Amino acid sequence: MFTGIVEELGEITAVEDLGDASRFRLRGPVVTEGARHGDSIAVNGVCLTVVEHEGDEFTADVMAETLDRSSLGALAVGSRVNLERPTAVGARLGGHIVQGHVDGTGSIVERKPSENWEIVKVSLPAHLARYVVEKGSITVDGVSLTVVDAGPDYFTISLIPTTLALTTLGLKQAGDPVNLEVDVIAKYVERLLGDRAQEATK
């Protein structure tokens, strides 16, 4: 489990085409400290497994399913990425519960800078709209954020200077894709209520 509090801005240093998958090599001095084979690291909000670790770099295999359902397929050598290790049991939950299971992708629609923050509008796939509510939580490229406004096909977020400086969201421009993970609690509530409704009609 992750919390959506990005630990560092990493970089893709190599991409190897494996046919039905890709192997990424990533640089991240913070997240690689103490890393071992089999550990999980979130890359732009996608939970990946460490295959190899050497120095301040690690490799991770990304299967076709993940490449198709996330924005990781658009990454290339030199791309910057948000990195986060799983939260430790007993640690503070600084963001919200994040699984690292991307629900879909959106794209940056527009950015409106102000003196002390920036409002960013993000497109929202229709099948995810019901899970996104004003002042609710959403994960964008692995960053835990609060929804400012929610529409039928978009939502807006407000980014403080720290988020702009320390994550990829400060680099994204209009048209760039982003990974989205909605609040897992909303999905479980929907499933439970749906099951109860079906039982009531039997």
Protein backbone atom coordinates (compact mmCIF):
# COMPACT_ATOMS: atom_id res chain seq x y z
CA MET A 1 0.00 0.00 0.00
CA PHE A 2 1.11 3.54 -0.77
CA THR A 3 -0.03 6.94 0.45
CA GLY A 4 0.46 9.12 -2.61
CA ILE A 5 3.22 11.14 -0.97
CA VAL A 6 5.97 11.14 -3.60
CA GLU A 7 9.44 10.56 -2.16
CA GLU A 8 11.49 11.72 -5.11
CA LEU A 9 11.50 12.68 -8.76
CA GLY A 10 13.31 9.85 -10.55
CA GLU A 11 14.40 9.33 -14.14
CA ILE A 12 14.12 6.60 -16.77
CA THR A 13 17.67 5.65 -17.79
CA ALA A 14 16.93 2.73 -20.14
CA VAL A 15 13.98 1.04 -21.83
CA GLU A 16 14.27 -2.51 -23.20
CA ASP A 17 11.59 -3.94 -25.49
CA LEU A 18 10.77 -7.51 -24.42
CA GLY A 19 8.13 -8.12 -27.06
CA ASP A 20 4.99 -8.41 -24.93
CA ALA A 21 6.52 -6.33 -22.14
CA SER A 22 9.17 -3.69 -21.43
CA ARG A 23 11.97 -3.53 -18.91
CA PHE A 24 12.61 -0.10 -17.43
CA ARG A 25 15.76 0.99 -15.65
CA LEU A 26 15.12 3.87 -13.30
CA ARG A 27 17.33 6.13 -11.20
CA GLY A 28 16.14 7.01 -7.70
CA PRO A 29 18.69 7.33 -4.89
CA VAL A 30 16.05 7.59 -2.16
CA VAL A 31 13.78 4.67 -3.10
CA THR A 32 16.68 2.35 -3.93
CA GLU A 33 18.21 2.67 -0.47
CA GLY A 34 17.83 -0.79 1.02
CA ALA A 35 15.85 -2.03 -2.00
CA ARG A 36 15.82 -5.75 -2.68
CA HIS A 37 14.63 -8.06 -5.45
CA GLY A 38 10.86 -8.39 -5.21
CA ASP A 39 10.23 -5.10 -3.43
CA SER A 40 7.48 -2.81 -4.68
CA ILE A 41 8.01 0.76 -5.86
CA ALA A 42 5.30 2.99 -7.30
CA VAL A 43 6.30 4.65 -10.58
CA ASN A 44 3.91 7.44 -11.57
CA GLY A 45 1.35 5.70 -9.40
CA VAL A 46 1.87 2.21 -10.85
CA CYS A 47 3.06 -0.46 -8.43
CA LEU A 48 6.08 -2.18 -10.00
CA THR A 49 8.33 -4.96 -8.72
CA VAL A 50 12.08 -4.51 -8.40
CA VAL A 51 13.87 -7.05 -10.62
CA GLU A 52 17.44 -5.85 -10.14
CA HIS A 53 19.03 -3.18 -7.98
CA GLU A 54 22.48 -1.68 -8.39
CA GLY A 55 23.68 1.59 -6.89
CA ASP A 56 20.97 4.21 -7.21
CA GLU A 57 19.17 2.41 -10.05
CA PHE A 58 16.66 -0.43 -10.27
CA THR A 59 14.93 -2.30 -13.06
CA ALA A 60 11.28 -3.29 -13.32
CA ASP A 61 9.36 -5.33 -15.89
CA VAL A 62 6.14 -3.81 -17.20
CA MET A 63 3.74 -6.21 -18.91
CA ALA A 64 1.55 -5.30 -21.88
CA GLU A 65 -1.57 -4.97 -19.71
CA THR A 66 0.08 -2.26 -17.65
CA LEU A 67 1.50 -0.49 -20.70
CA ASP A 68 -1.97 -0.47 -22.28
CA ARG A 69 -3.86 0.71 -19.20
CA SER A 70 -1.43 3.34 -17.94
CA SER A 71 0.74 6.13 -19.30
CA LEU A 72 3.94 4.14 -18.71
CA GLY A 73 4.01 3.14 -22.38
CA ALA A 74 4.72 6.77 -23.26
CA LEU A 75 7.88 6.92 -21.12
CA ALA A 76 11.30 7.10 -22.75
CA VAL A 77 14.90 7.54 -21.68
CA GLY A 78 15.13 10.84 -19.83
CA SER A 79 11.48 10.90 -18.72
CA ARG A 80 11.00 12.07 -15.14
CA VAL A 81 8.81 9.93 -12.90
CA ASN A 82 7.29 10.10 -9.43
CA LEU A 83 8.68 7.41 -7.10
CA GLU A 84 7.33 6.14 -3.79
CA ARG A 85 8.07 3.11 -1.64
CA PRO A 86 5.22 1.29 0.15
CA THR A 87 4.23 2.76 3.49
CA ALA A 88 5.51 0.97 6.58
CA VAL A 89 3.07 -0.50 9.10
CA GLY A 90 2.56 2.05 11.85
CA ALA A 91 3.75 4.98 9.74
CA ARG A 92 1.69 8.14 9.33
CA LEU A 93 -0.80 8.03 6.46
CA GLY A 94 0.08 11.41 4.99
CA GLY A 95 -2.06 11.15 1.86
CA HIS A 96 -4.78 8.50 1.43
CA ILE A 97 -4.92 4.76 0.75
CA VAL A 98 -3.31 4.17 -2.66
CA GLN A 99 -2.95 0.68 -4.12
CA GLY A 100 -0.80 1.47 -7.13
CA HIS A 101 -3.47 -0.06 -9.38
CA VAL A 102 -4.23 2.50 -12.08
CA ASP A 103 -7.94 2.75 -12.97
CA GLY A 104 -7.40 4.69 -16.18
CA THR A 105 -5.65 7.62 -17.75
CA GLY A 106 -6.61 11.23 -18.26
CA SER A 107 -4.75 14.14 -19.74
CA ILE A 108 -3.89 17.67 -18.72
CA VAL A 109 -6.52 19.98 -20.22
CA GLU A 110 -5.31 23.35 -18.97
CA ARG A 111 -3.24 25.03 -16.27
CA LYS A 112 -4.14 28.28 -14.51
CA PRO A 113 -1.22 29.63 -12.48
CA SER A 114 -1.69 32.12 -9.67
CA GLU A 115 0.71 33.74 -7.26
CA ASN A 116 0.92 30.89 -4.73
CA TRP A 117 -0.66 27.84 -6.39
CA GLU A 118 -1.84 26.47 -9.72
CA ILE A 119 -5.22 25.09 -10.73
CA VAL A 120 -4.93 22.15 -13.16
CA LYS A 121 -7.86 20.71 -15.11
CA VAL A 122 -7.62 17.01 -15.96
CA SER A 123 -9.83 15.02 -18.34
CA LEU A 124 -11.71 12.14 -16.74
CA PRO A 125 -12.80 8.88 -18.43
CA ALA A 126 -16.58 8.45 -18.25
CA HIS A 127 -16.40 5.17 -16.34
CA LEU A 128 -14.50 6.84 -13.48
CA ALA A 129 -16.63 9.96 -13.10
CA ARG A 130 -18.94 8.42 -10.48
CA TYR A 131 -16.00 7.88 -8.12
CA VAL A 132 -14.74 11.47 -8.21
CA VAL A 133 -16.39 14.00 -5.91
CA GLU A 134 -15.64 17.54 -4.84
CA LYS A 135 -13.19 17.53 -1.90
CA GLY A 136 -12.64 13.80 -2.33
CA SER A 137 -9.28 12.12 -2.88
CA ILE A 138 -7.73 11.07 -6.19
CA THR A 139 -4.27 9.95 -7.22
CA VAL A 140 -2.74 11.63 -10.27
CA ASP A 141 0.56 10.11 -11.45
CA GLY A 142 0.99 8.70 -7.96
CA VAL A 143 0.33 11.99 -6.16
CA SER A 144 -2.43 12.06 -3.53
CA LEU A 145 -4.57 15.12 -4.23
CA THR A 146 -7.87 16.69 -3.22
CA VAL A 147 -10.47 17.29 -5.93
CA VAL A 148 -11.41 20.97 -6.17
CA ASP A 149 -14.22 20.63 -8.72
CA ALA A 150 -15.68 17.52 -10.36
CA GLY A 151 -17.53 17.51 -13.69
CA PRO A 152 -18.91 14.76 -15.93
CA ASP A 153 -15.66 14.43 -17.90
CA TYR A 154 -13.10 16.41 -15.92
CA PHE A 155 -11.89 17.39 -12.47
CA THR A 156 -9.62 20.13 -11.17
CA ILE A 157 -6.84 20.03 -8.60
CA SER A 158 -4.94 22.78 -6.82
CA LEU A 159 -1.17 22.34 -6.70
CA ILE A 160 1.00 24.04 -4.12
CA PRO A 161 4.61 25.08 -4.89
CA THR A 162 6.03 21.98 -3.17
CA THR A 163 4.01 19.64 -5.41
CA LEU A 164 4.94 21.63 -8.50
CA ALA A 165 8.64 21.50 -7.61
CA LEU A 166 8.96 17.92 -6.41
CA THR A 167 6.69 15.91 -8.73
CA THR A 168 6.07 15.46 -12.45
CA LEU A 169 2.90 17.54 -12.13
CA GLY A 170 5.06 20.63 -12.27
CA LEU A 171 6.35 19.50 -15.67
CA LYS A 172 3.18 18.27 -17.36
CA GLN A 173 1.72 20.38 -20.16
CA ALA A 174 -1.68 20.42 -21.87
CA GLY A 175 -2.22 17.15 -23.70
CA ASP A 176 0.20 15.12 -21.56
CA PRO A 177 -1.25 11.85 -20.19
CA VAL A 178 -1.52 11.12 -16.46
CA ASN A 179 -2.35 7.97 -14.52
CA LEU A 180 -5.49 8.07 -12.39
CA GLU A 181 -6.43 5.96 -9.38
CA VAL A 182 -9.73 6.75 -7.70
CA ASP A 183 -10.42 6.23 -4.01
CA VAL A 184 -10.57 2.48 -3.41
CA ILE A 185 -13.13 2.96 -0.62
CA ALA A 186 -15.62 4.36 -3.16
CA LYS A 187 -15.21 1.29 -5.34
CA TYR A 188 -15.79 -1.13 -2.45
CA VAL A 189 -18.85 0.81 -1.25
CA GLU A 190 -20.31 0.68 -4.76
CA ARG A 191 -19.73 -3.06 -5.00
CA LEU A 192 -21.23 -3.75 -1.55
CA LEU A 193 -24.31 -1.61 -2.20
CA GLY A 194 -24.77 -3.23 -5.60
CA ASP A 195 -24.65 -6.71 -4.06
CA ARG A 196 -27.18 -5.72 -1.38
CA ALA A 197 -29.50 -4.27 -4.03
CA GLN A 198 -29.35 -7.52 -6.01
CA GLU A 199 -30.10 -9.58 -2.89
CA ALA A 200 -33.10 -7.37 -2.09
CA THR A 201 -34.66 -8.06 -5.50
CA LYS A 202 -34.37 -11.85 -5.22
